[in-house]
Amino acid sequence: MSTDVVVVVAVIILIGLFSMQHYGTDKVGWLFAPLVLLWFILIGSVGAFNIHKYNSSVLKAYNPVYIYRFLQRGKSISTSLGGVMLSITGTEALFADLCHFPVLAIQIAFTVVVFPCLLLAYTGQAAYIIANKDHVADAFYRSIPDAIYWPAFIIATLAAIVASQATISATYSIIKQALALGCFPRVNVVHTSKKFLGQIYIPDINWVLMILCIAVTTGFKNQSQIGNAYGTAVVIVMLVTTFLMVPIMLLVWKSHWIIVVTFLVLSLMVEFPYFTACINKVDQGGWVPLVVAITFFIIMYVWHFCTVKRYEFELHSKVSMAWILGLGPSLGLVRVPGIGFVYTELASGVPHIFSHFITNLPAIHSVVVFVCVKYLPVYTVPVEERFVMKRIGPKNFHMFRCVTRYGYKDVHKKNDDFEKMLLDRLMVFVRLESMMDGYSDSEDFTMTEHKTERSTNALQLTEKAGSNTMCSAADLSYSSQDSIVPAKSPLTGNSLTGYSIQTFDDELEFLNSCKDAGVVHILGNTIVRARRDSGIIKKIVVDHLYAFLRKVCREHSVIFNVPHESLLNVGQIYYI
């Protein structure tokens, strides 16, 4: 087969591989796992056969003394190490896939299958080359016995297809974590597994990655250059990981400085010679990962810089509570029936977009909820602890704040009715607030599931007891298990006032009527522009690059599955 035919076949295989990704890591892994296992058994068996047939003395290579003797020669060390580097590329994907598979499964697979089979395969090829020095260029296929050559050829081709799956899955995880940290434009994240939280699929990244892979394959048409590109990427990743481990060991693990220095020295002794060898091959294909890395770094930096500037603008221009109170319960406008969800990045205070809204429109909804979605630096936030509610202003203002918290592994599933969950938590908050009246100075309550159930049951008990005697929220006390039970009034032993319960019933009925009237989602659309006196680079970055990223990325309305008929965008311009 000519080189052009091989390239065309490779492109077709790549398109098929990336087209399968939407099925999810678990289904794709179920399909590929038998092939990988068969592949390792094959190369391990062939390696053991070659060791036995050609030269068993090759096992002396495991003696570390030969490393010293090799380095002592000083001839072609860089070229040799660059080639050896390709023998360990791919193993780093095992650690990148820790979020996709259990740790024990990866440990068992590497220790029992991957590592022994790779050692046998490379040692067997070395034994074959010693006996057949003219077959160095194609040692793998020539070392395979003739009886199993074509089955081995098919399995090797399939294994080459599978080998990229681990890196593809790891790419999804990296993009998802960068997205959660606000360092990457918003993309659609599809959760493909109910068992493993890390198994995701990102369509946009999938197709970009496919285009890049096809471009590299058709552009180089050379296996050695692609290998140099991959080796350069891997060795730089190893170096960066090693240096990032130092602050982790010092600040997080609180390790002794001697242990840290020992780890750094031993790691660099292995990695730095490989790094030097790969750097010499930058002009032979190693420039590709550097260009890709620089491109993605620019995208992430521009997005993060402009996003932080936009957040600082909203933080410093938020509306004061004195201004809100001065407007009165009607906010100086007509309060129309319905509930308005105002999305903001501020976890406290009233955003400037709200004042911009009410100064341009003559009406606002009867109930206003400021919704703030925050990603926390934790793996996941339980659903029952996801919503934190707070009231803004007096009760007759009917204004609330909801902070929705997600971990960097949590995703917004399509089957999650975000609106319904938020309204349910709002109802529960009103119930808890009524019962907590007089017992707590704080109006912040986390809507934990077990407290919600107990509070609801206590409310039913209270309402049943109130059929003959009304029970005030001030006459409720907490047991040691936080359950709410009716208590006798410390002032009088007979009748209790029903003002709080009556108020609670009225507000709950009011919220239900507003819910029936409809819910409108109000999203702020703050457009960032560079000032007129800014430099040309800043204008290009802010006015063009960031604007393009905002245009192509997914909107919050899509992420939260907000229907278009319930969406209202409020725009304003901020100059930096």
Foldseek 3Di string as FASTA:
>chain_A
DDLVVVLVVVLVLLVVLLVPCVLWPVVVCVVCVVLVQVLLVVLLVLLVVLCVPFPVVLVCVVPCVVVVVVVVVVPCLLVVLLVVLLLPQLVVLLVLCCLVDPPVVSVCCCVPTVPSSSVSNVSSLVRVCVVVVPCPVPSNLVSGDPVCNVVSVVSVVSVVSVSCVSVVLSVLLVQLLCVQVQLAFFFDWAQNDPPRLSIIDTVVVSVVVSVLVSCLSVVQSDPVLVSLQSSLVVLVVLVVVLVVVLCCCCPPVVHDVVVNVVSSVVSCVPRVSSNVSSVVCCVSNNVVVVVVVVVSNLNRVLRNVVVVVVLVVFVVQFDDLVLQVVCPLQNVAAAAFAEEEEEDQDQDGHTPLVVVVCVVDRYHHQAYEYEHEHEDQDQFDDPQQQWKKFARDDVSSNYMYIYGYTYSSDAQHPPDQVVVSVLVVVLLLLLVCQLCVPPDPDSIDGRGPVLSVLSVVQVVVQVVVVVPAHAGSNQWDADPVRHIHGHADPVDRDGDDNPSVVVSVVVSVSSVRSVVVHYAYEYEDEQEAEDPPDDPVVRCSRVPVNVVSVVPGDDPCVRSVPDPVRYHYRYDYDYD
